[in-house]
Structures are given as structure tokens and as C-alpha cells.
């Protein structure tokens, strides 16, 4: 018995996930190290967890506004499809921190990335890839979710960074 079944057929969905994981992990690997390992791990886990929780709420069996991958059944690649959120979230925080974004520039950054995310979501749901299969959902409905999740990611970053700095100062 397999805990997470393999897909019934290996097609463009699974290939899309594999290519995304490889590309984003490569980008993550190539970026200069900016944060301590503990902060990096927590950021990666946070973004994957938030994506999974939000999808479970709005795409889960009780609401079922869309399906991820080939069916509504949870299989191995349904789990793997959350992996690309980790490097994306890391790059989001990396850019935010590197350029010390504040005020209107930060707001524009969040709005532009949210619109870009909707475009990516639209492409993956309406193109040949067919990664998302909408029933009662339209990509534009994701805008408020992105506009909430991205600032929450920034707040989480500041929280763990603050805890990390306090733990370092208490050691000294």
C-alpha cells in the first residue's frame, strides 16, 4: 500500500512541477546566502505551509472551488506541487530585505508580485499545462489572498529575525 499514490499518468502536470522545482531550487542555490540557516528553513516551511493551508481551505473537499493536478484525489505530485512555494517565498523575502523596501515601494512590490502570481496562476490553469482545474474559482479571486499572505510573510520574517537576534544576544 502506497501512502501517497503515484499519478495515474505522467503528463505535463508532473513535468511542470519537476521543472519548477529544479529551476527554483537552482535560483535559491545561486543567490548569495543572506540569512542564517534557521531563518531560511523557517521561511521555506512557512511559505509551503501557508500555501497548503489556503489550498486546503478553498480547494479542499468541503468547498472544492478548484482541483490541483489531475483530479481531486491527493497523490504524490499534489504534495510536490507545494515545493516551489518555498523558493518563491524565500526570493520574495530576499528581495524585500536586500532592498529594504518600505512605504509605497513596498506596497507596489506586493501588488506587482500579487498580479504576477495571478498571471502565473491563470497561465497554469488555462494553458496546456492544466495544473489547476477551476470549478467555481477564477484567478482574480486570488488577489486578496496574495495581498494578505505576502505581508504576513514579511511579518513572519520580522518575527523570526527578532527571535533569532534576541537568542544571539542572550548567548553573549
N, C-alpha and C. Protein backbone atom coordinates (compact mmCIF):
# COMPACT_ATOMS: atom_id res chain seq x y z
N UNK A 1 0.85 -1.19 0.00
CA UNK A 1 0.00 0.00 0.00
C UNK A 1 0.88 1.24 0.00
N UNK A 2 0.62 2.16 -0.91
CA UNK A 2 1.36 3.41 -1.02
C UNK A 2 0.64 4.48 -0.21
N UNK A 3 1.42 5.20 0.61
CA UNK A 3 0.82 6.27 1.40
C UNK A 3 0.29 7.36 0.49
N UNK A 4 1.12 7.84 -0.42
CA UNK A 4 0.68 8.81 -1.42
C UNK A 4 0.80 8.13 -2.79
N UNK A 5 -0.33 7.89 -3.43
CA UNK A 5 -0.25 7.18 -4.71
C UNK A 5 0.44 8.02 -5.78
N UNK A 6 1.04 7.32 -6.72
CA UNK A 6 1.64 7.97 -7.88
C UNK A 6 0.52 8.38 -8.82
N UNK A 7 0.79 9.32 -9.72
CA UNK A 7 -0.26 9.72 -10.66
C UNK A 7 -0.65 8.57 -11.58
N UNK A 8 -1.89 8.57 -12.00
CA UNK A 8 -2.35 7.52 -12.91
C UNK A 8 -1.62 7.60 -14.24
N UNK A 9 -1.28 8.82 -14.66
CA UNK A 9 -0.46 9.01 -15.86
C UNK A 9 0.50 10.16 -15.61
N UNK A 10 1.69 10.04 -16.13
CA UNK A 10 2.71 11.07 -16.01
C UNK A 10 2.59 11.96 -17.24
N UNK A 11 2.16 13.22 -17.03
CA UNK A 11 1.95 14.10 -18.17
C UNK A 11 2.54 15.47 -17.90
N UNK A 12 2.02 16.48 -18.59
CA UNK A 12 2.57 17.83 -18.49
C UNK A 12 2.48 18.41 -17.08
N UNK A 13 1.49 18.00 -16.29
CA UNK A 13 1.39 18.49 -14.91
C UNK A 13 2.62 18.11 -14.09
N UNK A 14 2.94 16.84 -14.12
CA UNK A 14 4.07 16.35 -13.34
C UNK A 14 5.39 16.92 -13.86
N UNK A 15 5.52 17.00 -15.17
CA UNK A 15 6.71 17.59 -15.76
C UNK A 15 6.85 19.05 -15.37
N UNK A 16 5.75 19.77 -15.37
CA UNK A 16 5.73 21.18 -14.96
C UNK A 16 6.23 21.33 -13.52
N UNK A 17 5.76 20.47 -12.62
CA UNK A 17 6.19 20.52 -11.22
C UNK A 17 7.68 20.25 -11.10
N UNK A 18 8.16 19.23 -11.78
CA UNK A 18 9.59 18.88 -11.72
C UNK A 18 10.45 20.02 -12.24
N UNK A 19 10.08 20.60 -13.38
CA UNK A 19 10.85 21.72 -13.95
C UNK A 19 10.83 22.92 -13.01
N UNK A 20 9.69 23.22 -12.42
CA UNK A 20 9.60 24.33 -11.47
C UNK A 20 10.49 24.11 -10.26
N UNK A 21 10.46 22.92 -9.72
CA UNK A 21 11.28 22.62 -8.54
C UNK A 21 12.75 22.79 -8.88
N UNK A 22 13.18 22.23 -10.00
CA UNK A 22 14.59 22.32 -10.40
C UNK A 22 14.99 23.78 -10.61
N UNK A 23 14.18 24.54 -11.35
CA UNK A 23 14.51 25.93 -11.65
C UNK A 23 14.57 26.78 -10.38
N UNK A 24 13.57 26.63 -9.51
CA UNK A 24 13.54 27.47 -8.31
C UNK A 24 14.62 27.08 -7.31
N UNK A 25 14.91 25.80 -7.19
CA UNK A 25 15.98 25.38 -6.29
C UNK A 25 17.32 25.87 -6.83
N UNK A 26 17.49 25.87 -8.14
CA UNK A 26 18.71 26.40 -8.75
C UNK A 26 18.87 27.89 -8.43
N UNK A 27 17.79 28.64 -8.57
CA UNK A 27 17.82 30.07 -8.23
C UNK A 27 18.16 30.26 -6.76
N UNK A 28 17.52 29.48 -5.92
CA UNK A 28 17.79 29.56 -4.48
C UNK A 28 19.25 29.26 -4.18
N UNK A 29 19.79 28.26 -4.84
CA UNK A 29 21.18 27.87 -4.64
C UNK A 29 22.14 28.95 -5.11
N UNK A 30 21.80 29.64 -6.19
CA UNK A 30 22.69 30.65 -6.77
C UNK A 30 22.67 31.99 -6.01
N UNK A 31 21.60 32.25 -5.29
CA UNK A 31 21.56 33.51 -4.54
C UNK A 31 22.59 33.48 -3.42
N UNK A 32 23.27 34.62 -3.20
CA UNK A 32 24.19 34.66 -2.06
C UNK A 32 23.43 34.44 -0.76
N UNK A 33 24.07 33.76 0.17
CA UNK A 33 23.43 33.49 1.46
C UNK A 33 23.17 34.81 2.17
N UNK A 34 21.95 35.04 2.56
CA UNK A 34 21.56 36.30 3.18
C UNK A 34 21.13 36.12 4.63
N UNK A 35 20.59 34.96 4.94
CA UNK A 35 20.01 34.72 6.27
C UNK A 35 20.66 33.51 6.92
N UNK A 36 20.62 33.48 8.24
CA UNK A 36 21.08 32.26 8.93
C UNK A 36 20.23 31.05 8.51
N UNK A 37 20.80 29.88 8.61
CA UNK A 37 20.12 28.66 8.18
C UNK A 37 18.78 28.48 8.88
N UNK A 38 18.72 28.78 10.16
CA UNK A 38 17.45 28.60 10.89
C UNK A 38 16.35 29.49 10.32
N UNK A 39 16.67 30.71 9.98
CA UNK A 39 15.68 31.62 9.40
C UNK A 39 15.27 31.13 8.02
N UNK A 40 16.24 30.69 7.23
CA UNK A 40 15.95 30.18 5.89
C UNK A 40 14.99 28.99 5.96
N UNK A 41 15.27 28.05 6.84
CA UNK A 41 14.42 26.87 6.97
C UNK A 41 13.00 27.26 7.39
N UNK A 42 12.90 28.16 8.36
CA UNK A 42 11.58 28.59 8.81
C UNK A 42 10.82 29.32 7.71
N UNK A 43 11.50 30.15 6.94
CA UNK A 43 10.84 30.83 5.81
C UNK A 43 10.34 29.83 4.78
N UNK A 44 11.17 28.86 4.45
CA UNK A 44 10.77 27.85 3.47
C UNK A 44 9.56 27.06 3.96
N UNK A 45 9.59 26.67 5.22
CA UNK A 45 8.48 25.90 5.79
C UNK A 45 7.20 26.74 5.87
N UNK A 46 7.35 28.00 6.24
CA UNK A 46 6.20 28.89 6.36
C UNK A 46 5.46 29.02 5.03
N UNK A 47 6.20 29.30 3.96
CA UNK A 47 5.54 29.52 2.68
C UNK A 47 4.85 28.26 2.16
N UNK A 48 5.47 27.12 2.35
CA UNK A 48 4.84 25.87 1.93
C UNK A 48 3.59 25.61 2.77
N UNK A 49 3.69 25.81 4.06
CA UNK A 49 2.56 25.56 4.95
C UNK A 49 1.38 26.47 4.66
N UNK A 50 1.65 27.75 4.47
CA UNK A 50 0.56 28.69 4.17
C UNK A 50 -0.11 28.31 2.85
N UNK A 51 0.68 27.99 1.84
CA UNK A 51 0.10 27.60 0.55
C UNK A 51 -0.79 26.36 0.71
N UNK A 52 -0.31 25.39 1.45
CA UNK A 52 -1.08 24.15 1.65
C UNK A 52 -2.36 24.41 2.43
N UNK A 53 -2.27 25.21 3.47
CA UNK A 53 -3.46 25.50 4.29
C UNK A 53 -4.50 26.27 3.47
N UNK A 54 -4.06 27.29 2.75
CA UNK A 54 -5.00 28.07 1.94
C UNK A 54 -5.66 27.18 0.88
N UNK A 55 -4.87 26.37 0.20
CA UNK A 55 -5.45 25.46 -0.79
C UNK A 55 -6.42 24.47 -0.15
N UNK A 56 -6.09 23.99 1.02
CA UNK A 56 -6.99 23.04 1.69
C UNK A 56 -8.32 23.71 2.03
N UNK A 57 -8.26 24.97 2.42
CA UNK A 57 -9.49 25.68 2.78
C UNK A 57 -10.36 25.92 1.55
N UNK A 58 -9.77 26.40 0.45
CA UNK A 58 -10.60 26.78 -0.70
C UNK A 58 -10.68 25.73 -1.81
N UNK A 59 -9.82 24.73 -1.77
CA UNK A 59 -9.89 23.69 -2.79
C UNK A 59 -10.14 22.32 -2.19
N UNK A 60 -10.27 22.27 -0.88
CA UNK A 60 -10.50 21.01 -0.20
C UNK A 60 -11.88 20.45 -0.48
N UNK A 61 -12.14 19.28 0.02
CA UNK A 61 -13.40 18.58 -0.31
C UNK A 61 -14.66 19.30 0.14
N UNK A 62 -14.57 20.14 1.18
CA UNK A 62 -15.79 20.78 1.68
C UNK A 62 -16.19 21.99 0.86
N UNK A 63 -15.22 22.68 0.26
CA UNK A 63 -15.52 23.86 -0.55
C UNK A 63 -15.35 23.55 -2.03
N UNK A 64 -14.21 22.93 -2.39
CA UNK A 64 -13.92 22.40 -3.73
C UNK A 64 -14.14 23.41 -4.86
N UNK A 65 -13.44 24.55 -4.79
CA UNK A 65 -13.54 25.57 -5.84
C UNK A 65 -12.62 25.27 -7.02
N UNK A 66 -11.62 24.43 -6.81
CA UNK A 66 -10.75 24.00 -7.90
C UNK A 66 -10.00 22.75 -7.48
N UNK A 67 -9.47 22.06 -8.48
CA UNK A 67 -8.64 20.88 -8.23
C UNK A 67 -7.21 21.21 -8.63
N UNK A 68 -6.29 20.59 -7.95
CA UNK A 68 -4.88 20.73 -8.26
C UNK A 68 -4.45 19.44 -8.95
N UNK A 69 -3.73 19.59 -10.03
CA UNK A 69 -3.23 18.46 -10.82
C UNK A 69 -4.38 17.76 -11.54
N UNK A 70 -4.35 16.44 -11.61
CA UNK A 70 -5.26 15.71 -12.49
C UNK A 70 -6.64 15.43 -11.91
N UNK A 71 -6.75 15.38 -10.61
CA UNK A 71 -8.04 15.03 -10.02
C UNK A 71 -8.15 15.66 -8.65
N UNK A 72 -9.27 15.43 -8.01
CA UNK A 72 -9.46 15.91 -6.65
C UNK A 72 -8.83 15.01 -5.61
N UNK A 73 -8.28 13.87 -6.03
CA UNK A 73 -7.63 12.95 -5.11
C UNK A 73 -6.22 13.44 -4.81
N UNK A 74 -5.77 13.22 -3.59
CA UNK A 74 -4.44 13.67 -3.17
C UNK A 74 -3.43 12.58 -3.49
N UNK A 75 -2.46 12.92 -4.32
CA UNK A 75 -1.41 11.97 -4.70
C UNK A 75 -0.05 12.64 -4.52
N UNK A 76 1.01 11.91 -4.81
CA UNK A 76 2.38 12.37 -4.56
C UNK A 76 2.66 13.74 -5.18
N UNK A 77 2.30 13.95 -6.42
CA UNK A 77 2.61 15.22 -7.07
C UNK A 77 1.74 16.36 -6.56
N UNK A 78 0.60 16.04 -5.94
CA UNK A 78 -0.18 17.08 -5.27
C UNK A 78 0.61 17.64 -4.09
N UNK A 79 1.35 16.79 -3.43
CA UNK A 79 2.21 17.24 -2.34
C UNK A 79 3.42 18.00 -2.88
N UNK A 80 4.03 17.46 -3.92
CA UNK A 80 5.22 18.08 -4.51
C UNK A 80 4.92 19.45 -5.13
N UNK A 81 3.67 19.68 -5.51
CA UNK A 81 3.34 20.96 -6.14
C UNK A 81 3.51 22.13 -5.17
N UNK A 82 3.63 21.86 -3.88
CA UNK A 82 3.84 22.94 -2.91
C UNK A 82 5.31 23.29 -2.73
N UNK A 83 6.20 22.43 -3.18
CA UNK A 83 7.64 22.67 -3.04
C UNK A 83 8.07 23.99 -3.69
N UNK A 84 7.59 24.34 -4.89
CA UNK A 84 8.03 25.61 -5.49
C UNK A 84 7.66 26.87 -4.69
N UNK A 85 6.68 26.75 -3.81
CA UNK A 85 6.33 27.92 -2.99
C UNK A 85 7.48 28.31 -2.07
N UNK A 86 8.26 27.33 -1.64
CA UNK A 86 9.36 27.62 -0.70
C UNK A 86 10.40 28.55 -1.30
N UNK A 87 10.99 28.22 -2.45
CA UNK A 87 11.97 29.15 -3.01
C UNK A 87 11.35 30.48 -3.43
N UNK A 88 10.10 30.45 -3.92
CA UNK A 88 9.45 31.70 -4.31
C UNK A 88 9.32 32.62 -3.09
N UNK A 89 8.86 32.07 -1.97
CA UNK A 89 8.72 32.86 -0.75
C UNK A 89 10.06 33.38 -0.25
N UNK A 90 11.09 32.54 -0.39
CA UNK A 90 12.43 32.95 0.02
C UNK A 90 12.92 34.11 -0.83
N UNK A 91 12.74 34.01 -2.14
CA UNK A 91 13.18 35.09 -3.04
C UNK A 91 12.39 36.36 -2.75
N UNK A 92 11.11 36.22 -2.45
CA UNK A 92 10.28 37.37 -2.07
C UNK A 92 10.89 38.08 -0.87
N UNK A 93 11.20 37.35 0.18
CA UNK A 93 11.79 37.95 1.38
C UNK A 93 13.22 38.42 1.12
N UNK A 94 13.95 37.69 0.32
CA UNK A 94 15.32 38.07 -0.03
C UNK A 94 15.32 39.46 -0.67
N UNK A 95 14.46 39.67 -1.66
CA UNK A 95 14.39 40.97 -2.33
C UNK A 95 13.90 42.06 -1.39
N UNK A 96 12.88 41.72 -0.60
CA UNK A 96 12.36 42.68 0.38
C UNK A 96 13.47 43.14 1.33
N UNK A 97 14.24 42.19 1.84
CA UNK A 97 15.28 42.51 2.81
C UNK A 97 16.49 43.19 2.15
N UNK A 98 16.88 42.70 1.01
CA UNK A 98 18.06 43.25 0.32
C UNK A 98 17.87 44.72 -0.03
N UNK A 99 16.68 45.05 -0.52
CA UNK A 99 16.43 46.43 -0.95
C UNK A 99 15.74 47.27 0.13
N UNK A 100 15.53 46.67 1.32
CA UNK A 100 14.94 47.39 2.45
C UNK A 100 13.68 48.15 2.02
N UNK A 101 12.77 47.43 1.40
CA UNK A 101 11.56 48.05 0.85
C UNK A 101 10.66 48.57 1.97
N UNK A 102 10.15 49.78 1.76
CA UNK A 102 9.26 50.41 2.74
C UNK A 102 8.23 51.26 2.02
N UNK A 103 7.17 51.58 2.73
CA UNK A 103 6.18 52.52 2.24
C UNK A 103 5.56 52.15 0.91
N UNK A 104 5.46 53.15 0.04
CA UNK A 104 4.81 52.98 -1.25
C UNK A 104 5.55 51.96 -2.12
N UNK A 105 6.87 51.94 -2.04
CA UNK A 105 7.65 50.97 -2.83
C UNK A 105 7.32 49.55 -2.39
N UNK A 106 7.19 49.32 -1.08
CA UNK A 106 6.81 48.00 -0.58
C UNK A 106 5.41 47.64 -1.05
N UNK A 107 4.50 48.58 -0.99
CA UNK A 107 3.13 48.33 -1.44
C UNK A 107 3.12 47.96 -2.93
N UNK A 108 3.87 48.72 -3.74
CA UNK A 108 3.96 48.41 -5.16
C UNK A 108 4.58 47.03 -5.39
N UNK A 109 5.61 46.70 -4.63
CA UNK A 109 6.26 45.39 -4.71
C UNK A 109 5.25 44.27 -4.46
N UNK A 110 4.47 44.42 -3.41
CA UNK A 110 3.47 43.40 -3.06
C UNK A 110 2.39 43.32 -4.14
N UNK A 111 1.91 44.46 -4.61
CA UNK A 111 0.85 44.46 -5.63
C UNK A 111 1.37 43.86 -6.93
N UNK A 112 2.57 44.25 -7.35
CA UNK A 112 3.13 43.73 -8.60
C UNK A 112 3.35 42.21 -8.51
N UNK A 113 3.90 41.75 -7.39
CA UNK A 113 4.09 40.30 -7.24
C UNK A 113 2.76 39.56 -7.15
N UNK A 114 1.77 40.18 -6.55
CA UNK A 114 0.44 39.56 -6.47
C UNK A 114 -0.17 39.43 -7.86
N UNK A 115 -0.06 40.48 -8.66
CA UNK A 115 -0.59 40.44 -10.03
C UNK A 115 0.20 39.42 -10.85
N UNK A 116 1.52 39.39 -10.67
CA UNK A 116 2.33 38.39 -11.35
C UNK A 116 1.94 36.97 -10.95
N UNK A 117 1.65 36.78 -9.68
CA UNK A 117 1.22 35.46 -9.20
C UNK A 117 -0.12 35.05 -9.81
N UNK A 118 -1.01 36.02 -9.95
CA UNK A 118 -2.30 35.74 -10.58
C UNK A 118 -2.09 35.36 -12.05
N UNK A 119 -1.18 36.08 -12.72
CA UNK A 119 -0.87 35.75 -14.11
C UNK A 119 -0.31 34.36 -14.23
N UNK A 120 0.57 33.99 -13.32
CA UNK A 120 1.14 32.64 -13.32
C UNK A 120 0.06 31.61 -13.05
N UNK A 121 -0.80 31.91 -12.09
CA UNK A 121 -1.90 31.01 -11.76
C UNK A 121 -2.84 30.85 -12.96
N UNK A 122 -3.15 31.95 -13.61
CA UNK A 122 -4.00 31.90 -14.80
C UNK A 122 -3.36 31.04 -15.88
N UNK A 123 -2.07 31.27 -16.14
CA UNK A 123 -1.35 30.50 -17.16
C UNK A 123 -1.38 29.01 -16.85
N UNK A 124 -1.11 28.65 -15.60
CA UNK A 124 -1.05 27.23 -15.26
C UNK A 124 -2.43 26.58 -15.26
N UNK A 125 -3.48 27.38 -15.11
CA UNK A 125 -4.82 26.81 -15.08
C UNK A 125 -5.52 26.80 -16.43
N UNK A 126 -5.12 27.70 -17.32
CA UNK A 126 -5.85 27.80 -18.57
C UNK A 126 -5.05 27.34 -19.78
N UNK A 127 -3.81 27.04 -19.57
CA UNK A 127 -2.96 26.64 -20.69
C UNK A 127 -2.93 25.13 -20.84
N UNK A 128 -2.07 24.68 -21.72
CA UNK A 128 -1.86 23.26 -21.96
C UNK A 128 -1.46 22.52 -20.68
N UNK A 129 -0.81 23.24 -19.77
CA UNK A 129 -0.34 22.61 -18.54
C UNK A 129 -1.51 22.08 -17.72
N UNK A 130 -2.56 22.88 -17.57
CA UNK A 130 -3.74 22.43 -16.86
C UNK A 130 -3.48 22.02 -15.42
N UNK A 131 -2.52 22.68 -14.80
CA UNK A 131 -2.13 22.36 -13.43
C UNK A 131 -3.28 22.60 -12.45
N UNK A 132 -4.01 23.67 -12.64
CA UNK A 132 -5.19 23.95 -11.83
C UNK A 132 -6.43 23.73 -12.70
N UNK A 133 -7.44 23.12 -12.11
CA UNK A 133 -8.69 22.90 -12.81
C UNK A 133 -9.79 23.58 -12.02
N UNK A 134 -10.25 24.71 -12.55
CA UNK A 134 -11.22 25.55 -11.84
C UNK A 134 -12.63 25.01 -12.00
N UNK A 135 -13.37 25.05 -10.91
CA UNK A 135 -14.80 24.77 -11.00
C UNK A 135 -15.54 26.08 -10.74
N UNK A 136 -15.43 26.64 -9.55
CA UNK A 136 -16.11 27.90 -9.22
C UNK A 136 -15.11 29.01 -8.90
N UNK A 137 -13.89 28.85 -9.31
CA UNK A 137 -12.82 29.80 -8.95
C UNK A 137 -12.29 30.47 -10.20
N UNK A 138 -11.93 31.73 -10.07
CA UNK A 138 -11.24 32.46 -11.12
C UNK A 138 -9.95 33.00 -10.52
N UNK A 139 -8.87 33.04 -11.30
CA UNK A 139 -7.59 33.50 -10.75
C UNK A 139 -7.66 34.86 -10.05
N UNK A 140 -8.50 35.76 -10.53
CA UNK A 140 -8.59 37.09 -9.92
C UNK A 140 -9.06 37.01 -8.46
N UNK A 141 -9.78 35.95 -8.11
CA UNK A 141 -10.22 35.77 -6.73
C UNK A 141 -9.03 35.59 -5.79
N UNK A 142 -7.89 35.22 -6.33
CA UNK A 142 -6.70 35.01 -5.51
C UNK A 142 -6.04 36.32 -5.08
N UNK A 143 -6.39 37.43 -5.72
CA UNK A 143 -5.74 38.70 -5.39
C UNK A 143 -5.78 39.03 -3.90
N UNK A 144 -6.96 38.99 -3.26
CA UNK A 144 -6.95 39.31 -1.82
C UNK A 144 -6.11 38.33 -0.99
N UNK A 145 -6.06 37.09 -1.43
CA UNK A 145 -5.26 36.09 -0.71
C UNK A 145 -3.79 36.47 -0.78
N UNK A 146 -3.31 36.77 -1.99
CA UNK A 146 -1.91 37.18 -2.14
C UNK A 146 -1.62 38.47 -1.38
N UNK A 147 -2.57 39.40 -1.42
CA UNK A 147 -2.37 40.68 -0.73
C UNK A 147 -2.37 40.54 0.79
N UNK A 148 -2.89 39.44 1.28
CA UNK A 148 -2.84 39.15 2.73
C UNK A 148 -1.62 38.31 3.07
N UNK A 149 -1.37 37.27 2.27
CA UNK A 149 -0.30 36.32 2.58
C UNK A 149 1.08 36.97 2.49
N UNK A 150 1.31 37.80 1.50
CA UNK A 150 2.65 38.38 1.36
C UNK A 150 3.03 39.29 2.53
N UNK A 151 2.16 40.20 2.97
CA UNK A 151 2.51 40.97 4.18
C UNK A 151 2.66 40.07 5.42
N UNK A 152 1.86 39.01 5.50
CA UNK A 152 2.01 38.07 6.63
C UNK A 152 3.37 37.38 6.58
N UNK A 153 3.86 37.10 5.38
CA UNK A 153 5.18 36.50 5.24
C UNK A 153 6.25 37.47 5.72
N UNK A 154 6.08 38.74 5.40
CA UNK A 154 7.03 39.77 5.87
C UNK A 154 6.98 39.86 7.40
N UNK A 155 5.79 39.86 7.96
CA UNK A 155 5.66 39.90 9.43
C UNK A 155 6.31 38.67 10.06
N UNK A 156 6.09 37.51 9.48
CA UNK A 156 6.71 36.29 9.99
C UNK A 156 8.22 36.41 9.94
N UNK A 157 8.74 36.94 8.84
CA UNK A 157 10.18 37.14 8.70
C UNK A 157 10.72 38.03 9.82
N UNK A 158 10.02 39.13 10.08
CA UNK A 158 10.49 40.04 11.15
C UNK A 158 10.41 39.36 12.52
N UNK A 159 9.40 38.56 12.73
CA UNK A 159 9.26 37.85 14.00
C UNK A 159 10.41 36.88 14.21
N UNK A 160 10.69 36.04 13.21
CA UNK A 160 11.76 35.05 13.40
C UNK A 160 13.14 35.71 13.42
N UNK A 161 13.29 36.79 12.69
CA UNK A 161 14.56 37.53 12.71
C UNK A 161 14.78 38.15 14.09
N UNK A 162 13.73 38.69 14.66
CA UNK A 162 13.81 39.28 16.00
C UNK A 162 14.14 38.21 17.05
N UNK A 163 13.47 37.09 16.97
CA UNK A 163 13.74 35.99 17.91
C UNK A 163 15.17 35.51 17.76
N UNK A 164 15.62 35.41 16.52
CA UNK A 164 16.99 34.96 16.26
C UNK A 164 18.00 35.96 16.86
N UNK A 165 17.77 37.24 16.65
CA UNK A 165 18.70 38.26 17.19
C UNK A 165 18.70 38.26 18.71
N UNK A 166 17.53 38.08 19.33
CA UNK A 166 17.47 38.01 20.80
C UNK A 166 18.19 36.78 21.32
N UNK A 167 18.05 35.67 20.61
CA UNK A 167 18.74 34.45 21.07
C UNK A 167 20.25 34.61 20.97
N UNK A 168 20.72 35.33 19.97
CA UNK A 168 22.16 35.58 19.84
C UNK A 168 22.66 36.50 20.94
N UNK A 169 21.87 37.52 21.26
CA UNK A 169 22.30 38.46 22.30
C UNK A 169 22.24 37.84 23.69
N UNK A 170 21.37 36.87 23.90
CA UNK A 170 21.30 36.23 25.22
C UNK A 170 22.46 35.25 25.44
N UNK A 171 23.06 34.80 24.33
CA UNK A 171 24.21 33.89 24.43
C UNK A 171 25.46 34.67 24.84
N UNK A 172 25.56 35.90 24.41
CA UNK A 172 26.76 36.70 24.67
C UNK A 172 26.88 37.12 26.09
